[in-house]
N, C-alpha and C. Protein backbone atom coordinates (compact mmCIF):
# COMPACT_ATOMS: atom_id res chain seq x y z
N UNK A 1 3.82 -11.13 -3.68
CA UNK A 1 4.96 -10.32 -4.04
C UNK A 1 6.19 -11.18 -4.27
N UNK A 2 6.44 -12.10 -3.34
CA UNK A 2 7.65 -12.92 -3.43
C UNK A 2 7.69 -13.69 -4.74
N UNK A 3 6.56 -14.21 -5.15
CA UNK A 3 6.49 -15.02 -6.37
C UNK A 3 6.74 -14.19 -7.64
N UNK A 4 6.27 -12.96 -7.66
CA UNK A 4 6.28 -12.18 -8.90
C UNK A 4 7.34 -11.09 -8.99
N UNK A 5 7.96 -10.72 -7.87
CA UNK A 5 9.02 -9.71 -7.93
C UNK A 5 10.32 -10.45 -8.21
N UNK A 6 10.60 -10.61 -9.51
CA UNK A 6 11.69 -11.50 -9.94
C UNK A 6 12.69 -10.76 -10.84
N UNK A 7 13.63 -11.49 -11.38
CA UNK A 7 14.69 -10.91 -12.22
C UNK A 7 14.14 -10.15 -13.42
N UNK A 8 13.07 -10.64 -14.02
CA UNK A 8 12.50 -9.93 -15.18
C UNK A 8 11.89 -8.60 -14.76
N UNK A 9 11.27 -8.58 -13.59
CA UNK A 9 10.63 -7.35 -13.11
C UNK A 9 11.68 -6.27 -12.82
N UNK A 10 12.80 -6.66 -12.23
CA UNK A 10 13.78 -5.65 -11.80
C UNK A 10 14.73 -5.20 -12.90
N UNK A 11 14.53 -5.66 -14.12
CA UNK A 11 15.41 -5.28 -15.22
C UNK A 11 15.64 -3.77 -15.24
N UNK A 12 14.60 -3.00 -15.05
CA UNK A 12 14.69 -1.54 -15.11
C UNK A 12 14.35 -0.90 -13.76
N UNK A 13 14.69 -1.59 -12.69
CA UNK A 13 14.42 -1.08 -11.35
C UNK A 13 15.68 -1.16 -10.50
N UNK A 14 15.76 -0.32 -9.49
CA UNK A 14 16.92 -0.32 -8.60
C UNK A 14 16.88 -1.44 -7.55
N UNK A 15 15.72 -1.78 -6.98
CA UNK A 15 15.73 -2.81 -5.93
C UNK A 15 16.19 -4.18 -6.44
N UNK A 16 16.66 -4.98 -5.50
CA UNK A 16 17.03 -6.36 -5.80
C UNK A 16 15.84 -7.29 -5.56
N UNK A 17 15.94 -8.48 -6.10
CA UNK A 17 14.96 -9.52 -5.81
C UNK A 17 15.24 -10.05 -4.41
N UNK A 18 14.22 -10.16 -3.55
CA UNK A 18 14.46 -10.75 -2.23
C UNK A 18 14.99 -12.18 -2.37
N UNK A 19 15.94 -12.52 -1.51
CA UNK A 19 16.56 -13.85 -1.58
C UNK A 19 15.66 -14.94 -1.03
N UNK A 20 14.76 -14.56 -0.13
CA UNK A 20 13.86 -15.56 0.47
C UNK A 20 12.59 -14.85 0.95
N UNK A 21 11.63 -15.65 1.35
CA UNK A 21 10.34 -15.11 1.77
C UNK A 21 10.47 -14.20 2.99
N UNK A 22 11.44 -14.49 3.86
CA UNK A 22 11.63 -13.64 5.04
C UNK A 22 12.01 -12.22 4.66
N UNK A 23 12.81 -12.05 3.61
CA UNK A 23 13.15 -10.71 3.14
C UNK A 23 11.90 -9.99 2.63
N UNK A 24 11.02 -10.72 1.98
CA UNK A 24 9.77 -10.14 1.51
C UNK A 24 8.92 -9.69 2.70
N UNK A 25 8.86 -10.50 3.75
CA UNK A 25 8.12 -10.11 4.95
C UNK A 25 8.69 -8.83 5.55
N UNK A 26 10.01 -8.70 5.54
CA UNK A 26 10.65 -7.49 6.08
C UNK A 26 10.30 -6.26 5.23
N UNK A 27 10.25 -6.45 3.93
CA UNK A 27 9.86 -5.35 3.04
C UNK A 27 8.43 -4.92 3.35
N UNK A 28 7.55 -5.89 3.51
CA UNK A 28 6.15 -5.58 3.81
C UNK A 28 6.04 -4.86 5.16
N UNK A 29 6.83 -5.28 6.14
CA UNK A 29 6.84 -4.59 7.45
C UNK A 29 7.27 -3.13 7.27
N UNK A 30 8.28 -2.89 6.41
CA UNK A 30 8.71 -1.52 6.15
C UNK A 30 7.59 -0.72 5.48
N UNK A 31 6.85 -1.36 4.56
CA UNK A 31 5.71 -0.71 3.93
C UNK A 31 4.69 -0.27 4.99
N UNK A 32 4.39 -1.17 5.91
CA UNK A 32 3.41 -0.88 6.96
C UNK A 32 3.91 0.25 7.85
N UNK A 33 5.17 0.20 8.25
CA UNK A 33 5.73 1.26 9.08
C UNK A 33 5.72 2.60 8.37
N UNK A 34 6.03 2.60 7.08
CA UNK A 34 6.02 3.83 6.30
C UNK A 34 4.62 4.42 6.24
N UNK A 35 3.64 3.57 6.12
CA UNK A 35 2.23 4.02 6.09
C UNK A 35 1.86 4.62 7.45
N UNK A 36 2.23 3.93 8.50
CA UNK A 36 1.92 4.42 9.85
C UNK A 36 2.60 5.76 10.13
N UNK A 37 3.77 5.98 9.55
CA UNK A 37 4.51 7.23 9.73
C UNK A 37 4.15 8.29 8.69
N UNK A 38 3.21 7.96 7.82
CA UNK A 38 2.76 8.88 6.76
C UNK A 38 3.90 9.38 5.88
N UNK A 39 4.84 8.50 5.58
CA UNK A 39 5.94 8.87 4.68
C UNK A 39 5.78 8.25 3.30
N UNK A 40 5.19 7.08 3.23
CA UNK A 40 4.99 6.35 1.97
C UNK A 40 3.68 5.58 2.07
N UNK A 41 2.93 5.61 0.98
CA UNK A 41 1.71 4.80 0.89
C UNK A 41 1.92 3.79 -0.23
N UNK A 42 1.90 2.51 0.12
CA UNK A 42 2.14 1.45 -0.85
C UNK A 42 0.92 0.53 -0.85
N UNK A 43 0.41 0.27 -2.04
CA UNK A 43 -0.81 -0.53 -2.17
C UNK A 43 -0.60 -1.68 -3.14
N UNK A 44 -1.28 -2.78 -2.86
CA UNK A 44 -1.33 -3.89 -3.80
C UNK A 44 -2.28 -3.51 -4.93
N UNK A 45 -1.92 -3.90 -6.12
CA UNK A 45 -2.80 -3.73 -7.28
C UNK A 45 -3.46 -5.09 -7.50
N UNK A 46 -4.77 -5.10 -7.56
CA UNK A 46 -5.49 -6.35 -7.79
C UNK A 46 -6.50 -6.16 -8.92
N UNK A 47 -6.82 -7.25 -9.57
CA UNK A 47 -7.83 -7.19 -10.61
C UNK A 47 -9.20 -6.97 -9.97
N UNK A 48 -9.99 -6.13 -10.57
CA UNK A 48 -11.32 -5.85 -10.04
C UNK A 48 -12.21 -7.09 -10.06
N UNK A 49 -12.04 -7.91 -11.08
CA UNK A 49 -12.95 -9.06 -11.27
C UNK A 49 -12.77 -10.17 -10.24
N UNK A 50 -11.52 -10.37 -9.75
CA UNK A 50 -11.32 -11.52 -8.86
C UNK A 50 -10.26 -11.29 -7.77
N UNK A 51 -9.81 -10.06 -7.61
CA UNK A 51 -8.81 -9.71 -6.59
C UNK A 51 -7.45 -10.37 -6.79
N UNK A 52 -7.18 -10.84 -7.99
CA UNK A 52 -5.85 -11.42 -8.26
C UNK A 52 -4.78 -10.35 -8.11
N UNK A 53 -3.72 -10.67 -7.39
CA UNK A 53 -2.59 -9.75 -7.20
C UNK A 53 -1.86 -9.57 -8.52
N UNK A 54 -1.62 -8.30 -8.90
CA UNK A 54 -0.85 -8.07 -10.12
C UNK A 54 0.33 -7.14 -9.92
N UNK A 55 0.46 -6.53 -8.75
CA UNK A 55 1.63 -5.68 -8.54
C UNK A 55 1.47 -4.72 -7.38
N UNK A 56 2.31 -3.68 -7.41
CA UNK A 56 2.37 -2.68 -6.33
C UNK A 56 2.38 -1.29 -6.96
N UNK A 57 1.66 -0.37 -6.34
CA UNK A 57 1.72 1.04 -6.71
C UNK A 57 2.04 1.82 -5.44
N UNK A 58 2.84 2.88 -5.59
CA UNK A 58 3.30 3.58 -4.40
C UNK A 58 3.35 5.08 -4.59
N UNK A 59 3.19 5.73 -3.46
CA UNK A 59 3.40 7.16 -3.34
C UNK A 59 4.45 7.32 -2.25
N UNK A 60 5.67 7.65 -2.66
CA UNK A 60 6.81 7.71 -1.75
C UNK A 60 7.14 9.16 -1.36
N UNK A 61 7.84 9.27 -0.25
CA UNK A 61 8.39 10.57 0.19
C UNK A 61 7.32 11.64 0.30
N UNK A 62 6.26 11.32 1.02
CA UNK A 62 5.12 12.22 1.14
C UNK A 62 5.46 13.57 1.78
N UNK A 63 6.52 13.62 2.53
CA UNK A 63 6.89 14.87 3.18
C UNK A 63 7.70 15.79 2.26
N UNK A 64 8.09 15.29 1.09
CA UNK A 64 8.83 16.09 0.12
C UNK A 64 7.89 17.03 -0.65
N UNK A 65 8.48 18.04 -1.24
CA UNK A 65 7.71 18.98 -2.06
C UNK A 65 7.06 18.27 -3.25
N UNK A 66 7.75 17.25 -3.76
CA UNK A 66 7.28 16.53 -4.93
C UNK A 66 7.39 15.03 -4.65
N UNK A 67 6.35 14.42 -4.05
CA UNK A 67 6.40 12.98 -3.77
C UNK A 67 6.64 12.17 -5.04
N UNK A 68 7.14 10.96 -4.83
CA UNK A 68 7.53 10.09 -5.94
C UNK A 68 6.49 9.01 -6.18
N UNK A 69 6.15 8.81 -7.44
CA UNK A 69 5.27 7.72 -7.85
C UNK A 69 6.09 6.48 -8.17
N UNK A 70 5.56 5.32 -7.84
CA UNK A 70 6.25 4.07 -8.16
C UNK A 70 5.25 3.00 -8.56
N UNK A 71 5.70 2.08 -9.38
CA UNK A 71 4.80 1.03 -9.89
C UNK A 71 5.60 -0.18 -10.34
N UNK A 72 5.07 -1.36 -10.13
CA UNK A 72 5.52 -2.55 -10.85
C UNK A 72 4.35 -3.50 -10.94
N UNK A 73 4.27 -4.21 -12.04
CA UNK A 73 3.25 -5.24 -12.22
C UNK A 73 3.90 -6.52 -12.68
N UNK A 74 3.30 -7.63 -12.33
CA UNK A 74 3.88 -8.92 -12.70
C UNK A 74 3.90 -9.08 -14.21
N UNK A 75 4.84 -9.84 -14.68
CA UNK A 75 5.11 -9.95 -16.12
C UNK A 75 3.87 -10.36 -16.91
N UNK A 76 3.11 -11.33 -16.43
CA UNK A 76 1.96 -11.81 -17.22
C UNK A 76 0.84 -10.78 -17.32
N UNK A 77 0.92 -9.68 -16.57
CA UNK A 77 -0.11 -8.65 -16.68
C UNK A 77 0.34 -7.46 -17.53
N UNK A 78 1.58 -7.48 -17.99
CA UNK A 78 2.09 -6.38 -18.80
C UNK A 78 1.27 -6.24 -20.09
N UNK A 79 1.16 -5.00 -20.55
CA UNK A 79 0.46 -4.74 -21.81
C UNK A 79 -1.03 -4.53 -21.67
N UNK A 80 -1.55 -4.56 -20.44
CA UNK A 80 -2.98 -4.39 -20.22
C UNK A 80 -3.35 -3.02 -19.64
N UNK A 81 -2.38 -2.14 -19.54
CA UNK A 81 -2.57 -0.78 -19.01
C UNK A 81 -2.93 -0.75 -17.53
N UNK A 82 -2.65 -1.84 -16.81
CA UNK A 82 -2.92 -1.85 -15.37
C UNK A 82 -2.03 -0.85 -14.63
N UNK A 83 -0.78 -0.74 -15.07
CA UNK A 83 0.12 0.21 -14.43
C UNK A 83 -0.37 1.64 -14.60
N UNK A 84 -0.79 1.97 -15.79
CA UNK A 84 -1.31 3.32 -16.06
C UNK A 84 -2.56 3.59 -15.21
N UNK A 85 -3.43 2.62 -15.13
CA UNK A 85 -4.64 2.78 -14.32
C UNK A 85 -4.30 2.92 -12.83
N UNK A 86 -3.34 2.13 -12.35
CA UNK A 86 -2.95 2.20 -10.94
C UNK A 86 -2.30 3.54 -10.61
N UNK A 87 -1.44 4.03 -11.50
CA UNK A 87 -0.83 5.35 -11.28
C UNK A 87 -1.92 6.42 -11.27
N UNK A 88 -2.89 6.31 -12.15
CA UNK A 88 -4.01 7.26 -12.15
C UNK A 88 -4.77 7.23 -10.83
N UNK A 89 -4.96 6.03 -10.30
CA UNK A 89 -5.66 5.89 -9.03
C UNK A 89 -4.90 6.52 -7.87
N UNK A 90 -3.59 6.31 -7.83
CA UNK A 90 -2.79 6.87 -6.73
C UNK A 90 -2.67 8.39 -6.88
N UNK A 91 -2.65 8.88 -8.12
CA UNK A 91 -2.66 10.33 -8.33
C UNK A 91 -3.98 10.92 -7.83
N UNK A 92 -5.09 10.27 -8.17
CA UNK A 92 -6.40 10.77 -7.70
C UNK A 92 -6.45 10.78 -6.17
N UNK A 93 -5.93 9.74 -5.55
CA UNK A 93 -5.91 9.70 -4.09
C UNK A 93 -5.02 10.82 -3.54
N UNK A 94 -3.87 11.02 -4.14
CA UNK A 94 -2.94 12.06 -3.68
C UNK A 94 -3.58 13.44 -3.78
N UNK A 95 -4.40 13.65 -4.81
CA UNK A 95 -5.09 14.94 -4.94
C UNK A 95 -5.97 15.21 -3.72
N UNK A 96 -6.58 14.17 -3.16
CA UNK A 96 -7.42 14.37 -1.97
C UNK A 96 -6.58 14.77 -0.77
N UNK A 97 -5.28 14.51 -0.83
CA UNK A 97 -4.36 14.90 0.23
C UNK A 97 -3.75 16.27 -0.04
N UNK A 98 -4.13 16.88 -1.17
CA UNK A 98 -3.60 18.19 -1.53
C UNK A 98 -2.31 18.14 -2.33
N UNK A 99 -1.92 16.97 -2.79
CA UNK A 99 -0.68 16.82 -3.56
C UNK A 99 -1.00 16.98 -5.04
N UNK A 100 -0.25 17.85 -5.71
CA UNK A 100 -0.50 18.10 -7.13
C UNK A 100 0.73 17.96 -8.00
N UNK A 101 1.90 17.75 -7.38
CA UNK A 101 3.16 17.60 -8.13
C UNK A 101 3.81 16.29 -7.72
N UNK A 102 4.31 15.58 -8.71
CA UNK A 102 4.94 14.29 -8.47
C UNK A 102 6.21 14.17 -9.30
N UNK A 103 7.14 13.38 -8.80
CA UNK A 103 8.24 12.96 -9.65
C UNK A 103 8.02 11.48 -9.96
N UNK A 104 8.47 11.09 -11.11
CA UNK A 104 8.28 9.72 -11.58
C UNK A 104 9.61 9.26 -12.18
N UNK A 105 10.45 8.59 -11.36
CA UNK A 105 11.72 8.10 -11.89
C UNK A 105 11.50 6.84 -12.73
N UNK A 106 12.24 6.76 -13.80
CA UNK A 106 12.10 5.62 -14.70
C UNK A 106 13.44 5.36 -15.38
N UNK A 107 13.74 4.11 -15.63
CA UNK A 107 14.92 3.80 -16.43
C UNK A 107 14.59 4.19 -17.87
N UNK A 108 15.50 4.92 -18.50
CA UNK A 108 15.21 5.44 -19.84
C UNK A 108 14.92 4.34 -20.85
N UNK A 109 15.35 3.11 -20.58
CA UNK A 109 15.11 1.99 -21.49
C UNK A 109 13.73 1.37 -21.29
N UNK A 110 13.03 1.76 -20.23
CA UNK A 110 11.74 1.17 -19.90
C UNK A 110 10.63 1.98 -20.58
N UNK A 111 10.44 1.71 -21.84
CA UNK A 111 9.50 2.48 -22.66
C UNK A 111 8.07 2.41 -22.13
N UNK A 112 7.55 1.23 -21.74
CA UNK A 112 6.18 1.21 -21.22
C UNK A 112 5.99 2.11 -19.99
N UNK A 113 6.97 2.14 -19.10
CA UNK A 113 6.87 2.98 -17.92
C UNK A 113 6.98 4.46 -18.28
N UNK A 114 7.84 4.79 -19.23
CA UNK A 114 7.94 6.18 -19.70
C UNK A 114 6.60 6.62 -20.29
N UNK A 115 5.91 5.71 -20.96
CA UNK A 115 4.61 6.05 -21.55
C UNK A 115 3.59 6.40 -20.48
N UNK A 116 3.72 5.80 -19.30
CA UNK A 116 2.81 6.15 -18.20
C UNK A 116 3.04 7.61 -17.82
N UNK A 117 4.30 7.99 -17.63
CA UNK A 117 4.61 9.38 -17.28
C UNK A 117 4.09 10.34 -18.34
N UNK A 118 4.30 10.01 -19.59
CA UNK A 118 3.88 10.88 -20.69
C UNK A 118 2.35 10.95 -20.77
N UNK A 119 1.67 9.84 -20.49
CA UNK A 119 0.21 9.82 -20.50
C UNK A 119 -0.34 10.84 -19.51
N UNK A 120 0.34 10.97 -18.37
CA UNK A 120 -0.09 11.93 -17.35
C UNK A 120 0.62 13.28 -17.50
N UNK A 121 0.99 13.59 -18.74
CA UNK A 121 1.62 14.88 -19.10
C UNK A 121 2.94 15.12 -18.37
N UNK A 122 3.65 14.05 -18.08
CA UNK A 122 4.95 14.18 -17.45
C UNK A 122 5.94 14.85 -18.38
N UNK A 123 6.74 15.72 -17.81
CA UNK A 123 7.80 16.41 -18.55
C UNK A 123 9.14 15.98 -17.98
N UNK A 124 10.09 15.74 -18.85
CA UNK A 124 11.41 15.30 -18.42
C UNK A 124 12.03 16.38 -17.54
N UNK A 125 12.34 16.01 -16.31
CA UNK A 125 12.90 16.94 -15.34
C UNK A 125 14.42 16.82 -15.28
N UNK A 126 14.91 15.57 -15.33
CA UNK A 126 16.36 15.35 -15.32
C UNK A 126 16.72 14.36 -16.41
N UNK A 127 17.81 14.66 -17.07
CA UNK A 127 18.34 13.77 -18.11
C UNK A 127 18.87 12.50 -17.48
N UNK A 128 19.24 11.56 -18.29
CA UNK A 128 19.71 10.25 -17.84
C UNK A 128 20.91 10.37 -16.88
N UNK A 129 20.76 9.71 -15.76
CA UNK A 129 21.83 9.63 -14.76
C UNK A 129 22.04 8.14 -14.48
N UNK A 130 23.26 7.68 -14.67
CA UNK A 130 23.54 6.27 -14.43
C UNK A 130 23.81 6.04 -12.95
N UNK A 131 23.08 5.09 -12.39
CA UNK A 131 23.19 4.76 -10.97
C UNK A 131 23.48 3.27 -10.86
N UNK A 132 24.51 2.92 -10.10
CA UNK A 132 24.79 1.51 -9.89
C UNK A 132 23.95 1.02 -8.72
N UNK A 133 23.22 -0.08 -8.96
CA UNK A 133 22.39 -0.66 -7.91
C UNK A 133 23.26 -1.45 -6.93
N UNK A 134 22.67 -1.80 -5.80
CA UNK A 134 23.44 -2.51 -4.78
C UNK A 134 23.91 -3.89 -5.25
N UNK A 135 23.26 -4.43 -6.29
CA UNK A 135 23.70 -5.72 -6.81
C UNK A 135 24.51 -5.58 -8.11
N UNK A 136 24.97 -4.36 -8.40
CA UNK A 136 25.90 -4.16 -9.52
C UNK A 136 25.30 -3.84 -10.87
N UNK A 137 23.98 -3.78 -10.97
CA UNK A 137 23.36 -3.41 -12.25
C UNK A 137 23.44 -1.90 -12.43
N UNK A 138 23.23 -1.44 -13.65
CA UNK A 138 23.21 -0.01 -13.92
C UNK A 138 21.78 0.41 -14.23
N UNK A 139 21.28 1.33 -13.43
CA UNK A 139 19.95 1.92 -13.60
C UNK A 139 20.16 3.26 -14.30
N UNK A 140 19.51 3.44 -15.45
CA UNK A 140 19.67 4.67 -16.24
C UNK A 140 18.47 5.57 -15.97
N UNK A 141 18.56 6.31 -14.87
CA UNK A 141 17.42 7.07 -14.36
C UNK A 141 17.16 8.38 -15.09
N UNK A 142 15.91 8.52 -15.49
CA UNK A 142 15.37 9.81 -15.92
C UNK A 142 14.24 10.10 -14.95
N UNK A 143 14.03 11.38 -14.66
CA UNK A 143 12.94 11.72 -13.76
C UNK A 143 11.97 12.63 -14.50
N UNK A 144 10.70 12.23 -14.46
CA UNK A 144 9.64 13.04 -15.04
C UNK A 144 8.91 13.77 -13.92
N UNK A 145 8.47 14.97 -14.23
CA UNK A 145 7.66 15.76 -13.31
C UNK A 145 6.23 15.74 -13.84
N UNK A 146 5.31 15.36 -12.97
CA UNK A 146 3.89 15.32 -13.34
C UNK A 146 3.17 16.33 -12.46
N UNK A 147 2.46 17.25 -13.08
CA UNK A 147 1.68 18.25 -12.35
C UNK A 147 0.21 18.02 -12.70
N UNK A 148 -0.62 17.92 -11.66
CA UNK A 148 -2.05 17.71 -11.83
C UNK A 148 -2.78 18.98 -11.42
N UNK A 149 -3.70 19.42 -12.26
CA UNK A 149 -4.43 20.65 -11.91
C UNK A 149 -5.71 20.33 -11.17
């Protein structure tokens, strides 16, 4: 994660790049705690052929009426539909938990990520809302609603 969660990855994301490996360890500890508390499920995405790490897929806010989907993949894996496949996998898993509605926030400029929402029949729930990130960038958030039957 530390190696690949970089400035290019966060272009259309709210989180900042960790300043050092210790910050990454703290993030991973929060992931583990969230899993133990059944509030967020965060998984590494790996290639089936060799277990190479390519990113993270998440199901956030499990106690909400409409949990949130999240995804990022390392730059060199972009364009291979790994993000779409990973979102499909987490949706399938969520269905086993009885979850059928999701929100999928995306920066309106992030066309590949918007295509993931649209692939899963996402409908625009909220128009663009500009949010300033903690490091001063502007995130242009749109939220898609995905309903699975």
